[in-house]
Amino acid sequence: MGFNFSWIFVEGATRQDLWAALDLAPVQKMEDAADLGTSHAEIGAAKFGEKWQAVFTIYALTLDAAFATNPPRIARLPSKSRCVVCLVLEHAMISYAALWQAGRRVWEIRHNGGQHLDASGDLPSAYPGIRARADMQQLAEDKLRSPMRMHTDYLFDVPLDTATTITGFRHSSGNSWDILSDLHVLQPVDGAEFDRLYNPPYWWQKTNSMTYR
């Protein structure tokens, strides 16, 4: 099945700041980081390294924080903080990353399968090199395409690789999971719901699913 979950990393804010902004509260402590973003902990929290607080969710639940309300929930975070939102849906070959700061989206990168890669905003300095490398790998891969060979989608990694240059977290690296700490299961509070997109972005509508699962 692969990876199908999403996460929000915040620097310059406490975990209480993050949980309150997203209308979440802790339910219990969690023992195993591998449960984050799975059916065992559909919404979970962790600390990554010394400066990042994170929330992990099953499938695409973090899209609610970025798109479902007006203004978005993540705009409630302290203005001094910066926030990285990531989504990886390997079953649909959708990947997404964005940086928010001072209540606004600074940049975003989205891959929707195939040759599609959409990037906008004040992109980080690492992005052009990551994109150029992926384009070169994809060109070489496409030349080898055949019915007998599994095809690799290198553009899929571009949003995620770009986010990794900022947070240091890579979802496919065991080393990243090993240093997650202070794990908690979270649940929505104050009437918040995390089960469908109420204000979906135009690109998500193309997935033909208004629900997160």
Protein backbone atom coordinates (compact mmCIF):
# COMPACT_ATOMS: atom_id res chain seq x y z
CA MET A 1 0.00 0.00 0.00
CA GLY A 2 2.85 2.43 0.68
CA PHE A 3 2.63 5.70 2.57
CA ASN A 4 -0.73 7.51 2.71
CA PHE A 5 -0.65 10.20 5.37
CA SER A 6 0.12 13.86 6.00
CA TRP A 7 1.90 16.01 8.54
CA ILE A 8 2.44 19.55 9.79
CA PHE A 9 5.77 20.66 11.28
CA VAL A 10 5.97 23.94 13.17
CA GLU A 11 9.05 25.82 14.35
CA GLY A 12 8.83 28.76 16.75
CA ALA A 13 5.69 27.59 18.54
CA THR A 14 4.94 25.28 21.45
CA ARG A 15 3.00 22.08 21.07
CA GLN A 16 0.14 23.77 22.93
CA ASP A 17 0.19 26.56 20.31
CA LEU A 18 -0.02 23.98 17.54
CA TRP A 19 -2.74 21.88 19.12
CA ALA A 20 -4.87 24.93 19.94
CA ALA A 21 -4.50 26.33 16.42
CA LEU A 22 -5.72 23.07 14.92
CA ASP A 23 -8.56 22.58 17.45
CA LEU A 24 -6.93 19.44 18.85
CA ALA A 25 -6.31 18.11 22.34
CA PRO A 26 -4.29 15.14 23.66
CA VAL A 27 -6.10 11.93 24.57
CA GLN A 28 -3.26 9.68 25.67
CA LYS A 29 0.45 9.08 25.23
CA MET A 30 1.67 6.88 22.40
CA GLU A 31 4.46 4.33 22.58
CA ASP A 32 5.37 3.67 18.96
CA ALA A 33 6.08 6.38 16.38
CA ALA A 34 5.12 3.90 13.65
CA ASP A 35 1.48 4.39 14.74
CA LEU A 36 1.51 8.06 13.72
CA GLY A 37 -0.76 8.68 10.75
CA THR A 38 -2.27 5.20 10.82
CA SER A 39 -5.58 3.73 11.97
CA HIS A 40 -3.95 3.23 15.39
CA ALA A 41 -3.48 7.01 15.80
CA GLU A 42 -5.37 8.85 13.08
CA ILE A 43 -4.26 12.16 14.58
CA GLY A 44 -1.01 12.10 16.55
CA ALA A 45 1.61 14.52 17.81
CA ALA A 46 5.36 14.32 18.17
CA LYS A 47 8.48 16.39 18.71
CA PHE A 48 11.17 16.20 16.04
CA GLY A 49 14.65 17.18 17.11
CA GLU A 50 15.02 20.23 19.30
CA LYS A 51 12.86 22.78 17.52
CA TRP A 52 10.02 21.17 15.55
CA GLN A 53 6.57 20.28 16.88
CA ALA A 54 4.53 18.05 14.58
CA VAL A 55 1.07 16.66 13.97
CA PHE A 56 0.66 13.54 11.82
CA THR A 57 -2.66 12.43 10.39
CA ILE A 58 -3.98 9.48 8.45
CA TYR A 59 -4.49 10.07 4.74
CA ALA A 60 -5.07 13.80 4.04
CA LEU A 61 -6.50 15.12 7.28
CA THR A 62 -3.97 17.96 7.53
CA LEU A 63 -5.54 19.51 4.44
CA ASP A 64 -8.32 20.56 6.77
CA ALA A 65 -5.84 22.78 8.64
CA ALA A 66 -4.63 24.38 5.42
CA PHE A 67 -7.82 24.70 3.38
CA ALA A 68 -11.05 23.85 5.16
CA THR A 69 -11.67 27.04 7.14
CA ASN A 70 -11.44 30.73 6.29
CA PRO A 71 -8.97 31.83 7.50
CA PRO A 72 -7.09 28.51 7.64
CA ARG A 73 -6.45 27.05 11.07
CA ILE A 74 -2.68 27.21 10.61
CA ALA A 75 -2.98 30.98 10.21
CA ARG A 76 -3.74 31.04 13.95
CA LEU A 77 -0.16 30.02 14.78
CA PRO A 78 2.14 32.66 16.32
CA SER A 79 3.37 35.11 13.68
CA LYS A 80 6.99 34.34 14.56
CA SER A 81 6.55 30.67 13.70
CA ARG A 82 6.93 28.90 10.39
CA CYS A 83 4.97 25.87 9.35
CA VAL A 84 5.61 23.13 6.78
CA VAL A 85 2.61 21.12 5.52
CA CYS A 86 3.21 17.84 3.66
CA LEU A 87 1.01 15.21 2.06
CA VAL A 88 2.05 11.86 0.57
CA LEU A 89 -0.57 9.62 -1.04
CA GLU A 90 1.31 6.86 -2.80
CA HIS A 91 -1.84 4.99 -3.82
CA ALA A 92 -2.91 8.04 -5.88
CA MET A 93 0.63 9.33 -6.60
CA ILE A 94 -0.17 12.71 -5.06
CA SER A 95 2.47 14.62 -3.12
CA TYR A 96 2.31 18.13 -1.72
CA ALA A 97 4.40 20.51 0.39
CA ALA A 98 3.92 24.12 1.46
CA LEU A 99 5.52 26.63 3.79
CA TRP A 100 3.42 29.03 5.85
CA GLN A 101 4.76 31.98 7.84
CA ALA A 102 3.07 34.89 9.60
CA GLY A 103 -0.35 33.57 8.62
CA ARG A 104 0.26 33.32 4.89
CA ARG A 105 1.40 30.68 2.46
CA VAL A 106 4.92 31.50 1.26
CA TRP A 107 5.22 28.70 -1.31
CA GLU A 108 3.66 25.41 -2.35
CA ILE A 109 4.64 22.50 -4.60
CA ARG A 110 2.22 19.84 -5.84
CA HIS A 111 2.57 16.68 -7.87
CA ASN A 112 -0.62 15.05 -9.18
CA GLY A 113 0.79 12.09 -11.04
CA GLY A 114 2.34 11.79 -14.48
CA GLN A 115 4.49 14.71 -15.62
CA HIS A 116 2.54 17.25 -13.61
CA LEU A 117 4.45 19.39 -11.11
CA ASP A 118 3.07 22.75 -10.00
CA ALA A 119 5.22 25.14 -7.95
CA SER A 120 4.40 28.71 -6.89
CA GLY A 121 5.41 31.41 -4.43
CA ASP A 122 8.79 32.39 -3.01
CA LEU A 123 10.36 28.96 -3.43
CA PRO A 124 13.40 27.96 -1.34
CA SER A 125 16.87 28.11 -2.85
CA ALA A 126 17.13 24.32 -2.84
CA TYR A 127 14.12 23.87 -5.13
CA PRO A 128 15.70 24.54 -8.56
CA GLY A 129 18.42 21.93 -7.97
CA ILE A 130 15.92 19.36 -6.67
CA ARG A 131 13.64 19.97 -9.65
CA ALA A 132 16.49 19.82 -12.18
CA ARG A 133 17.77 16.54 -10.76
CA ALA A 134 14.29 15.01 -10.82
CA ASP A 135 13.69 16.18 -14.39
CA MET A 136 16.97 14.60 -15.50
CA GLN A 137 16.18 11.32 -13.73
CA GLN A 138 12.67 11.29 -15.16
CA LEU A 139 13.93 11.88 -18.69
CA ALA A 140 16.32 8.94 -18.39
CA GLU A 141 13.56 6.81 -16.84
CA ASP A 142 11.07 7.61 -19.60
CA LYS A 143 13.56 6.48 -22.25
CA LEU A 144 13.54 3.04 -20.60
CA ARG A 145 9.75 2.78 -20.39
CA SER A 146 8.34 -0.57 -21.45
CA PRO A 147 5.35 -2.80 -20.58
CA MET A 148 7.71 -5.25 -18.90
CA ARG A 149 9.32 -2.74 -16.55
CA MET A 150 7.98 -0.93 -13.48
CA HIS A 151 8.02 2.83 -14.05
CA THR A 152 9.53 5.19 -11.45
CA ASP A 153 7.98 8.63 -10.86
CA TYR A 154 10.85 10.91 -9.81
CA LEU A 155 8.75 14.08 -9.85
CA PHE A 156 6.68 12.63 -6.99
CA ASP A 157 9.59 13.25 -4.61
CA VAL A 158 10.17 16.92 -5.47
CA PRO A 159 7.69 18.46 -2.97
CA LEU A 160 8.82 16.08 -0.23
CA ASP A 161 12.54 16.53 -0.89
CA THR A 162 12.10 20.30 -0.80
CA ALA A 163 10.32 20.14 2.55
CA THR A 164 13.07 17.88 3.92
CA THR A 165 15.68 20.57 3.28
CA ILE A 166 13.82 22.74 5.81
CA THR A 167 12.68 20.33 8.52
CA GLY A 168 15.18 17.49 8.13
CA PHE A 169 12.32 15.00 8.32
CA ARG A 170 11.94 12.41 5.57
CA HIS A 171 8.95 10.10 5.85
CA SER A 172 10.74 7.24 4.07
CA SER A 173 13.84 7.39 6.29
CA GLY A 174 13.99 5.21 9.39
CA ASN A 175 16.40 7.68 10.96
CA SER A 176 13.71 10.37 10.94
CA TRP A 177 11.23 8.15 12.77
CA ASP A 178 13.85 7.14 15.32
CA ILE A 179 14.26 10.67 16.67
CA LEU A 180 10.56 11.46 17.05
CA SER A 181 9.69 11.84 20.72
CA ASP A 182 6.96 12.98 23.12
CA LEU A 183 4.25 11.08 21.26
CA HIS A 184 0.53 11.68 21.88
CA VAL A 185 -2.78 10.66 20.34
CA LEU A 186 -4.95 13.71 19.63
CA GLN A 187 -8.63 14.29 18.98
CA PRO A 188 -10.66 17.25 17.64
CA VAL A 189 -12.26 19.61 20.15
CA ASP A 190 -14.69 22.55 20.11
CA GLY A 191 -16.84 21.03 17.40
CA ALA A 192 -14.02 20.59 14.90
CA GLU A 193 -14.43 17.79 12.37
CA PHE A 194 -11.65 16.05 10.48
CA ASP A 195 -13.43 13.77 8.05
CA ARG A 196 -13.94 15.66 4.81
CA LEU A 197 -12.87 18.77 2.91
CA TYR A 198 -15.36 21.57 3.36
CA ASN A 199 -13.41 24.03 1.22
CA PRO A 200 -11.30 21.85 -1.10
CA PRO A 201 -8.59 23.46 -3.27
CA TYR A 202 -9.23 23.19 -6.98
CA TRP A 203 -6.57 20.53 -7.49
CA TRP A 204 -8.03 18.24 -4.82
CA GLN A 205 -11.39 18.31 -6.58
CA LYS A 206 -9.71 16.51 -9.47
CA THR A 207 -9.23 13.46 -7.24
CA ASN A 208 -13.03 12.99 -7.31
CA SER A 209 -13.10 12.63 -3.52
CA MET A 210 -14.38 15.25 -1.14
CA THR A 211 -13.69 12.92 1.76
CA TYR A 212 -10.25 12.43 3.24
CA ARG A 213 -10.23 8.66 3.04
